[in-house]
């Protein structure tokens, strides 16, 4: 895949605040990352409607993967334990590695929210890249139209 230099600068501009949010977690960072995720998903709906080609493929992939990952947060607790338990364990381990023993309840909760929403953004980006790759790949022989 080839990306322009401006795309890489935009990626760096997004990775920086994400790392800062994980290093100094707080409720404002958690809300900001959540609203960025929701805004990205809503923009993807518009892009999927009004654009064509690889841009549309990326938007559809981002929308599907990002929203599917976000919906895991709203699954009832009994079912969520089997699906999201691994994510919670990784989040807890990462928090302990970065901040040591949890002392501030609000920072701990904000960190877990930030981590999950960043993972949803990452899943959306992965889904967008997969969708672009599928859209670019040559199509196999399609069956002739029915008469």
N, C-alpha and C. Protein backbone atom coordinates (compact mmCIF):
# COMPACT_ATOMS: atom_id res chain seq x y z
N UNK A 1 0.84 -1.17 0.00
CA UNK A 1 0.00 0.00 0.00
C UNK A 1 0.89 1.24 0.00
N UNK A 2 0.47 2.22 -0.72
CA UNK A 2 1.22 3.45 -0.80
C UNK A 2 0.39 4.57 -0.21
N UNK A 3 1.04 5.35 0.64
CA UNK A 3 0.36 6.48 1.27
C UNK A 3 1.17 7.75 1.01
N UNK A 4 0.48 8.86 0.93
CA UNK A 4 1.15 10.14 0.75
C UNK A 4 1.78 10.57 2.07
N UNK A 5 2.72 11.48 2.00
CA UNK A 5 3.39 11.98 3.18
C UNK A 5 2.41 12.71 4.09
N UNK A 6 1.46 13.41 3.50
CA UNK A 6 0.46 14.12 4.31
C UNK A 6 -0.39 13.14 5.12
N UNK A 7 -0.66 11.97 4.56
CA UNK A 7 -1.42 10.96 5.30
C UNK A 7 -0.63 10.48 6.51
N UNK A 8 0.67 10.31 6.34
CA UNK A 8 1.50 9.88 7.47
C UNK A 8 1.58 10.96 8.54
N UNK A 9 1.63 12.23 8.14
CA UNK A 9 1.64 13.32 9.12
C UNK A 9 0.32 13.37 9.89
N UNK A 10 -0.78 13.13 9.21
CA UNK A 10 -2.08 13.10 9.88
C UNK A 10 -2.12 11.94 10.88
N UNK A 11 -1.58 10.79 10.48
CA UNK A 11 -1.53 9.65 11.39
C UNK A 11 -0.71 9.97 12.64
N UNK A 12 0.43 10.64 12.46
CA UNK A 12 1.24 11.03 13.60
C UNK A 12 0.51 12.04 14.49
N UNK A 13 -0.23 12.94 13.87
CA UNK A 13 -0.98 13.92 14.64
C UNK A 13 -2.09 13.27 15.45
N UNK A 14 -2.56 12.11 15.03
CA UNK A 14 -3.59 11.40 15.78
C UNK A 14 -2.98 10.47 16.83
N UNK A 15 -1.81 9.91 16.54
CA UNK A 15 -1.17 8.99 17.48
C UNK A 15 -0.66 9.74 18.70
N UNK A 16 -0.17 10.95 18.51
CA UNK A 16 0.36 11.75 19.63
C UNK A 16 -0.66 11.98 20.73
N UNK A 17 -1.81 12.56 20.42
CA UNK A 17 -2.81 12.76 21.48
C UNK A 17 -3.32 11.44 22.08
N UNK A 18 -3.35 10.38 21.28
CA UNK A 18 -3.78 9.08 21.82
C UNK A 18 -2.79 8.61 22.89
N UNK A 19 -1.51 8.74 22.62
CA UNK A 19 -0.50 8.35 23.61
C UNK A 19 -0.58 9.25 24.84
N UNK A 20 -0.80 10.54 24.64
CA UNK A 20 -0.93 11.47 25.75
C UNK A 20 -2.14 11.12 26.60
N UNK A 21 -3.23 10.75 25.96
CA UNK A 21 -4.44 10.38 26.71
C UNK A 21 -4.20 9.14 27.56
N UNK A 22 -3.42 8.19 27.06
CA UNK A 22 -3.13 6.99 27.85
C UNK A 22 -2.14 7.28 28.97
N UNK A 23 -1.24 8.24 28.75
CA UNK A 23 -0.26 8.57 29.79
C UNK A 23 -0.86 9.41 30.92
N UNK A 24 -1.80 10.27 30.60
CA UNK A 24 -2.44 11.12 31.60
C UNK A 24 -3.95 10.98 31.48
N UNK A 25 -4.50 9.81 31.85
CA UNK A 25 -5.94 9.58 31.63
C UNK A 25 -6.80 10.45 32.53
N UNK A 26 -7.91 10.88 31.97
CA UNK A 26 -8.88 11.67 32.71
C UNK A 26 -10.21 11.63 32.00
N UNK A 27 -11.25 12.09 32.67
CA UNK A 27 -12.59 12.05 32.05
C UNK A 27 -12.69 12.86 30.76
N UNK A 28 -11.98 13.99 30.69
CA UNK A 28 -12.05 14.80 29.47
C UNK A 28 -11.42 14.08 28.29
N UNK A 29 -10.28 13.41 28.52
CA UNK A 29 -9.67 12.63 27.45
C UNK A 29 -10.60 11.51 27.01
N UNK A 30 -11.22 10.83 27.97
CA UNK A 30 -12.11 9.72 27.65
C UNK A 30 -13.29 10.20 26.80
N UNK A 31 -13.89 11.33 27.18
CA UNK A 31 -15.00 11.87 26.40
C UNK A 31 -14.53 12.33 25.02
N UNK A 32 -13.36 12.95 24.96
CA UNK A 32 -12.84 13.43 23.68
C UNK A 32 -12.58 12.29 22.70
N UNK A 33 -11.97 11.21 23.18
CA UNK A 33 -11.70 10.06 22.32
C UNK A 33 -13.02 9.41 21.89
N UNK A 34 -13.99 9.32 22.81
CA UNK A 34 -15.28 8.72 22.46
C UNK A 34 -15.99 9.55 21.39
N UNK A 35 -15.99 10.88 21.55
CA UNK A 35 -16.65 11.73 20.56
C UNK A 35 -15.91 11.69 19.23
N UNK A 36 -14.59 11.56 19.25
CA UNK A 36 -13.84 11.42 18.00
C UNK A 36 -14.23 10.12 17.28
N UNK A 37 -14.43 9.06 18.06
CA UNK A 37 -14.85 7.78 17.47
C UNK A 37 -16.24 7.90 16.86
N UNK A 38 -17.16 8.48 17.59
CA UNK A 38 -18.53 8.63 17.07
C UNK A 38 -18.54 9.53 15.85
N UNK A 39 -17.77 10.62 15.88
CA UNK A 39 -17.70 11.51 14.72
C UNK A 39 -17.12 10.79 13.51
N UNK A 40 -16.08 10.00 13.72
CA UNK A 40 -15.47 9.25 12.61
C UNK A 40 -16.48 8.26 12.01
N UNK A 41 -17.25 7.60 12.86
CA UNK A 41 -18.25 6.65 12.35
C UNK A 41 -19.35 7.37 11.56
N UNK A 42 -19.79 8.52 12.04
CA UNK A 42 -20.82 9.27 11.32
C UNK A 42 -20.31 9.82 10.00
N UNK A 43 -19.08 10.29 9.98
CA UNK A 43 -18.49 10.77 8.72
C UNK A 43 -18.37 9.62 7.73
N UNK A 44 -18.05 8.42 8.23
CA UNK A 44 -17.95 7.26 7.34
C UNK A 44 -19.28 6.93 6.68
N UNK A 45 -20.37 7.16 7.38
CA UNK A 45 -21.68 6.94 6.77
C UNK A 45 -21.85 7.88 5.57
N UNK A 46 -21.52 9.15 5.75
CA UNK A 46 -21.64 10.11 4.66
C UNK A 46 -20.70 9.79 3.51
N UNK A 47 -19.47 9.41 3.83
CA UNK A 47 -18.51 9.07 2.78
C UNK A 47 -18.97 7.83 2.01
N UNK A 48 -19.52 6.85 2.73
CA UNK A 48 -20.00 5.64 2.07
C UNK A 48 -21.16 5.94 1.12
N UNK A 49 -21.94 6.96 1.42
CA UNK A 49 -23.07 7.31 0.56
C UNK A 49 -22.64 8.14 -0.64
N UNK A 50 -21.76 9.13 -0.41
CA UNK A 50 -21.48 10.11 -1.45
C UNK A 50 -20.18 9.90 -2.22
N UNK A 51 -19.35 8.94 -1.87
CA UNK A 51 -18.12 8.68 -2.59
C UNK A 51 -18.17 7.31 -3.24
N UNK A 52 -17.23 7.06 -4.15
CA UNK A 52 -17.16 5.77 -4.84
C UNK A 52 -15.72 5.28 -4.81
N UNK A 53 -15.52 4.04 -5.21
CA UNK A 53 -14.19 3.47 -5.35
C UNK A 53 -13.56 3.11 -4.01
N UNK A 54 -12.23 3.33 -3.93
CA UNK A 54 -11.49 2.95 -2.74
C UNK A 54 -11.89 3.76 -1.52
N UNK A 55 -12.27 5.01 -1.73
CA UNK A 55 -12.70 5.84 -0.60
C UNK A 55 -13.97 5.28 0.03
N UNK A 56 -14.90 4.86 -0.81
CA UNK A 56 -16.13 4.26 -0.30
C UNK A 56 -15.83 2.93 0.39
N UNK A 57 -14.94 2.14 -0.19
CA UNK A 57 -14.58 0.86 0.42
C UNK A 57 -13.97 1.07 1.80
N UNK A 58 -13.06 2.05 1.92
CA UNK A 58 -12.45 2.32 3.22
C UNK A 58 -13.51 2.74 4.24
N UNK A 59 -14.43 3.60 3.82
CA UNK A 59 -15.46 4.08 4.73
C UNK A 59 -16.36 2.95 5.21
N UNK A 60 -16.74 2.06 4.31
CA UNK A 60 -17.60 0.94 4.70
C UNK A 60 -16.86 0.00 5.65
N UNK A 61 -15.60 -0.29 5.34
CA UNK A 61 -14.81 -1.16 6.22
C UNK A 61 -14.61 -0.54 7.59
N UNK A 62 -14.30 0.75 7.64
CA UNK A 62 -14.13 1.45 8.91
C UNK A 62 -15.42 1.41 9.71
N UNK A 63 -16.52 1.68 9.03
CA UNK A 63 -17.82 1.70 9.70
C UNK A 63 -18.18 0.33 10.27
N UNK A 64 -17.98 -0.72 9.50
CA UNK A 64 -18.33 -2.07 9.97
C UNK A 64 -17.45 -2.51 11.13
N UNK A 65 -16.13 -2.40 10.98
CA UNK A 65 -15.23 -2.88 12.03
C UNK A 65 -15.30 -2.00 13.27
N UNK A 66 -15.31 -0.69 13.09
CA UNK A 66 -15.34 0.22 14.24
C UNK A 66 -16.63 0.12 15.03
N UNK A 67 -17.77 0.06 14.33
CA UNK A 67 -19.04 -0.03 15.05
C UNK A 67 -19.23 -1.41 15.67
N UNK A 68 -18.73 -2.46 15.05
CA UNK A 68 -18.83 -3.79 15.65
C UNK A 68 -18.02 -3.84 16.95
N UNK A 69 -16.83 -3.25 16.94
CA UNK A 69 -16.02 -3.23 18.16
C UNK A 69 -16.69 -2.37 19.22
N UNK A 70 -17.30 -1.26 18.82
CA UNK A 70 -17.98 -0.39 19.78
C UNK A 70 -19.21 -1.06 20.37
N UNK A 71 -19.92 -1.86 19.58
CA UNK A 71 -21.12 -2.53 20.07
C UNK A 71 -20.82 -3.57 21.15
N UNK A 72 -19.59 -4.07 21.19
CA UNK A 72 -19.21 -5.03 22.24
C UNK A 72 -19.39 -4.39 23.62
N UNK A 73 -19.23 -3.06 23.72
CA UNK A 73 -19.40 -2.38 25.00
C UNK A 73 -20.84 -2.44 25.51
N UNK A 74 -21.80 -2.60 24.61
CA UNK A 74 -23.20 -2.55 25.00
C UNK A 74 -23.84 -3.93 25.15
N UNK A 75 -23.04 -4.99 25.04
CA UNK A 75 -23.55 -6.34 25.23
C UNK A 75 -23.77 -6.57 26.72
N UNK A 76 -24.83 -7.30 27.12
CA UNK A 76 -25.04 -7.57 28.54
C UNK A 76 -23.82 -8.22 29.19
N UNK A 77 -23.66 -7.99 30.49
CA UNK A 77 -22.43 -8.37 31.20
C UNK A 77 -22.12 -9.87 31.12
N UNK A 78 -23.12 -10.75 31.16
CA UNK A 78 -22.86 -12.18 31.14
C UNK A 78 -22.22 -12.64 29.84
N UNK A 79 -22.70 -12.13 28.72
CA UNK A 79 -22.15 -12.48 27.43
C UNK A 79 -20.82 -11.78 27.22
N UNK A 80 -20.71 -10.55 27.73
CA UNK A 80 -19.52 -9.75 27.53
C UNK A 80 -18.29 -10.37 28.19
N UNK A 81 -18.47 -11.10 29.26
CA UNK A 81 -17.32 -11.69 29.95
C UNK A 81 -16.55 -12.62 29.03
N UNK A 82 -17.26 -13.38 28.20
CA UNK A 82 -16.56 -14.30 27.31
C UNK A 82 -15.93 -13.58 26.12
N UNK A 83 -16.54 -12.48 25.67
CA UNK A 83 -16.02 -11.76 24.50
C UNK A 83 -15.00 -10.71 24.91
N UNK A 84 -15.38 -9.85 25.83
CA UNK A 84 -14.53 -8.71 26.16
C UNK A 84 -13.60 -8.94 27.32
N UNK A 85 -13.58 -10.12 27.91
CA UNK A 85 -12.71 -10.38 29.05
C UNK A 85 -11.24 -10.22 28.71
N UNK A 86 -10.85 -10.64 27.52
CA UNK A 86 -9.46 -10.51 27.11
C UNK A 86 -9.04 -9.07 26.95
N UNK A 87 -9.92 -8.24 26.43
CA UNK A 87 -9.62 -6.82 26.25
C UNK A 87 -9.47 -6.14 27.60
N UNK A 88 -10.35 -6.49 28.54
CA UNK A 88 -10.26 -5.91 29.88
C UNK A 88 -8.96 -6.33 30.56
N UNK A 89 -8.55 -7.57 30.36
CA UNK A 89 -7.30 -8.04 30.98
C UNK A 89 -6.10 -7.31 30.40
N UNK A 90 -6.08 -7.11 29.09
CA UNK A 90 -4.98 -6.39 28.45
C UNK A 90 -4.97 -4.94 28.92
N UNK A 91 -6.14 -4.33 29.03
CA UNK A 91 -6.24 -2.96 29.50
C UNK A 91 -5.72 -2.83 30.92
N UNK A 92 -6.09 -3.76 31.77
CA UNK A 92 -5.63 -3.75 33.17
C UNK A 92 -4.11 -3.92 33.24
N UNK A 93 -3.57 -4.84 32.47
CA UNK A 93 -2.13 -5.07 32.45
C UNK A 93 -1.38 -3.84 31.95
N UNK A 94 -1.89 -3.21 30.89
CA UNK A 94 -1.25 -2.02 30.35
C UNK A 94 -1.30 -0.88 31.36
N UNK A 95 -2.42 -0.73 32.06
CA UNK A 95 -2.53 0.32 33.07
C UNK A 95 -1.50 0.10 34.18
N UNK A 96 -1.36 -1.14 34.64
CA UNK A 96 -0.39 -1.43 35.70
C UNK A 96 1.04 -1.19 35.23
N UNK A 97 1.33 -1.50 33.97
CA UNK A 97 2.67 -1.27 33.44
C UNK A 97 2.98 0.22 33.32
N UNK A 98 1.98 1.01 32.95
CA UNK A 98 2.22 2.44 32.73
C UNK A 98 2.13 3.26 34.01
N UNK A 99 1.19 2.90 34.91
CA UNK A 99 0.89 3.76 36.06
C UNK A 99 1.11 3.10 37.41
N UNK A 100 1.47 1.84 37.42
CA UNK A 100 1.66 1.15 38.69
C UNK A 100 0.34 0.77 39.32
N UNK A 101 0.34 0.71 40.64
CA UNK A 101 -0.87 0.33 41.37
C UNK A 101 -1.93 1.41 41.22
N UNK A 102 -3.18 1.00 40.87
CA UNK A 102 -4.23 2.01 40.69
C UNK A 102 -4.58 2.67 42.02
N UNK A 103 -4.47 4.00 42.06
CA UNK A 103 -4.84 4.75 43.25
C UNK A 103 -6.03 5.67 43.00
N UNK A 104 -6.12 6.21 41.81
CA UNK A 104 -7.21 7.13 41.46
C UNK A 104 -8.26 6.37 40.64
N UNK A 105 -9.44 6.22 41.21
CA UNK A 105 -10.52 5.46 40.57
C UNK A 105 -10.90 6.07 39.23
N UNK A 106 -11.03 7.41 39.18
CA UNK A 106 -11.47 8.07 37.94
C UNK A 106 -10.43 7.92 36.83
N UNK A 107 -9.16 7.99 37.17
CA UNK A 107 -8.12 7.81 36.16
C UNK A 107 -8.13 6.38 35.63
N UNK A 108 -8.39 5.41 36.52
CA UNK A 108 -8.43 4.01 36.10
C UNK A 108 -9.59 3.77 35.14
N UNK A 109 -10.76 4.27 35.49
CA UNK A 109 -11.94 4.10 34.63
C UNK A 109 -11.73 4.84 33.30
N UNK A 110 -11.17 6.04 33.35
CA UNK A 110 -10.92 6.79 32.12
C UNK A 110 -9.92 6.06 31.25
N UNK A 111 -8.87 5.48 31.83
CA UNK A 111 -7.88 4.76 31.06
C UNK A 111 -8.51 3.60 30.32
N UNK A 112 -9.35 2.83 31.00
CA UNK A 112 -9.99 1.68 30.35
C UNK A 112 -10.90 2.14 29.20
N UNK A 113 -11.63 3.23 29.40
CA UNK A 113 -12.48 3.75 28.33
C UNK A 113 -11.66 4.25 27.15
N UNK A 114 -10.60 4.98 27.44
CA UNK A 114 -9.73 5.49 26.37
C UNK A 114 -9.14 4.33 25.59
N UNK A 115 -8.66 3.31 26.30
CA UNK A 115 -8.04 2.16 25.66
C UNK A 115 -9.03 1.45 24.73
N UNK A 116 -10.25 1.23 25.20
CA UNK A 116 -11.25 0.53 24.39
C UNK A 116 -11.66 1.36 23.17
N UNK A 117 -11.79 2.66 23.33
CA UNK A 117 -12.19 3.50 22.20
C UNK A 117 -11.06 3.63 21.19
N UNK A 118 -9.82 3.66 21.67
CA UNK A 118 -8.69 3.66 20.73
C UNK A 118 -8.61 2.34 19.98
N UNK A 119 -8.93 1.24 20.66
CA UNK A 119 -8.97 -0.05 19.96
C UNK A 119 -10.07 -0.06 18.91
N UNK A 120 -11.21 0.56 19.19
CA UNK A 120 -12.29 0.63 18.20
C UNK A 120 -11.84 1.46 16.99
N UNK A 121 -11.12 2.56 17.23
CA UNK A 121 -10.60 3.34 16.11
C UNK A 121 -9.59 2.52 15.31
N UNK A 122 -8.73 1.78 16.01
CA UNK A 122 -7.76 0.92 15.34
C UNK A 122 -8.43 -0.18 14.53
N UNK A 123 -9.49 -0.77 15.11
CA UNK A 123 -10.23 -1.80 14.38
C UNK A 123 -10.89 -1.21 13.14
N UNK A 124 -11.38 0.02 13.25
CA UNK A 124 -11.97 0.69 12.09
C UNK A 124 -10.94 0.93 11.00
N UNK A 125 -9.75 1.37 11.39
CA UNK A 125 -8.69 1.58 10.40
C UNK A 125 -8.30 0.27 9.74
N UNK A 126 -8.19 -0.78 10.53
CA UNK A 126 -7.86 -2.09 9.97
C UNK A 126 -8.96 -2.55 9.00
N UNK A 127 -10.20 -2.38 9.40
CA UNK A 127 -11.31 -2.75 8.52
C UNK A 127 -11.32 -1.95 7.24
N UNK A 128 -11.00 -0.65 7.33
CA UNK A 128 -10.93 0.18 6.13
C UNK A 128 -9.83 -0.27 5.19
N UNK A 129 -8.67 -0.62 5.74
CA UNK A 129 -7.57 -1.08 4.89
C UNK A 129 -7.89 -2.43 4.25
N UNK A 130 -8.55 -3.31 5.00
CA UNK A 130 -8.95 -4.61 4.44
C UNK A 130 -9.96 -4.40 3.31
N UNK A 131 -10.91 -3.50 3.53
CA UNK A 131 -11.92 -3.23 2.50
C UNK A 131 -11.29 -2.64 1.25
N UNK A 132 -10.31 -1.75 1.41
CA UNK A 132 -9.62 -1.21 0.25
C UNK A 132 -8.86 -2.30 -0.49
N UNK A 133 -8.22 -3.18 0.25
CA UNK A 133 -7.48 -4.27 -0.37
C UNK A 133 -8.41 -5.19 -1.15
N UNK A 134 -9.58 -5.50 -0.58
CA UNK A 134 -10.56 -6.34 -1.28
C UNK A 134 -11.08 -5.63 -2.52
N UNK A 135 -11.31 -4.33 -2.42
CA UNK A 135 -11.83 -3.58 -3.55
C UNK A 135 -10.80 -3.51 -4.68
N UNK A 136 -9.50 -3.42 -4.34
CA UNK A 136 -8.44 -3.35 -5.33
C UNK A 136 -8.13 -4.68 -5.99
N UNK A 137 -8.37 -5.78 -5.29
CA UNK A 137 -7.99 -7.09 -5.81
C UNK A 137 -8.83 -7.42 -7.05
N UNK A 138 -8.22 -8.14 -7.99
CA UNK A 138 -8.97 -8.47 -9.22
C UNK A 138 -10.13 -9.40 -8.90
N UNK A 139 -11.21 -9.13 -9.56
CA UNK A 139 -12.40 -9.94 -9.34
C UNK A 139 -12.25 -11.27 -10.08
N UNK A 140 -12.77 -12.32 -9.46
CA UNK A 140 -12.77 -13.62 -10.13
C UNK A 140 -13.89 -13.63 -11.18
N UNK A 141 -13.91 -14.69 -11.94
CA UNK A 141 -14.97 -14.78 -12.96
C UNK A 141 -16.33 -14.78 -12.28
N UNK A 142 -17.12 -13.87 -12.73
CA UNK A 142 -18.45 -13.79 -12.16
C UNK A 142 -19.40 -14.57 -13.07
N UNK A 143 -20.40 -15.11 -12.48
CA UNK A 143 -21.36 -15.90 -13.26
C UNK A 143 -22.12 -14.96 -14.20
N UNK A 144 -22.47 -15.47 -15.36
CA UNK A 144 -23.20 -14.64 -16.32
C UNK A 144 -24.57 -14.27 -15.77
N UNK A 145 -25.08 -13.13 -16.20
CA UNK A 145 -26.39 -12.72 -15.70
C UNK A 145 -27.49 -13.68 -16.12
N UNK A 146 -28.48 -13.81 -15.27
CA UNK A 146 -29.63 -14.67 -15.59
C UNK A 146 -30.49 -14.01 -16.65
N UNK A 147 -31.03 -14.84 -17.55
CA UNK A 147 -31.89 -14.30 -18.61
C UNK A 147 -33.32 -14.58 -18.33
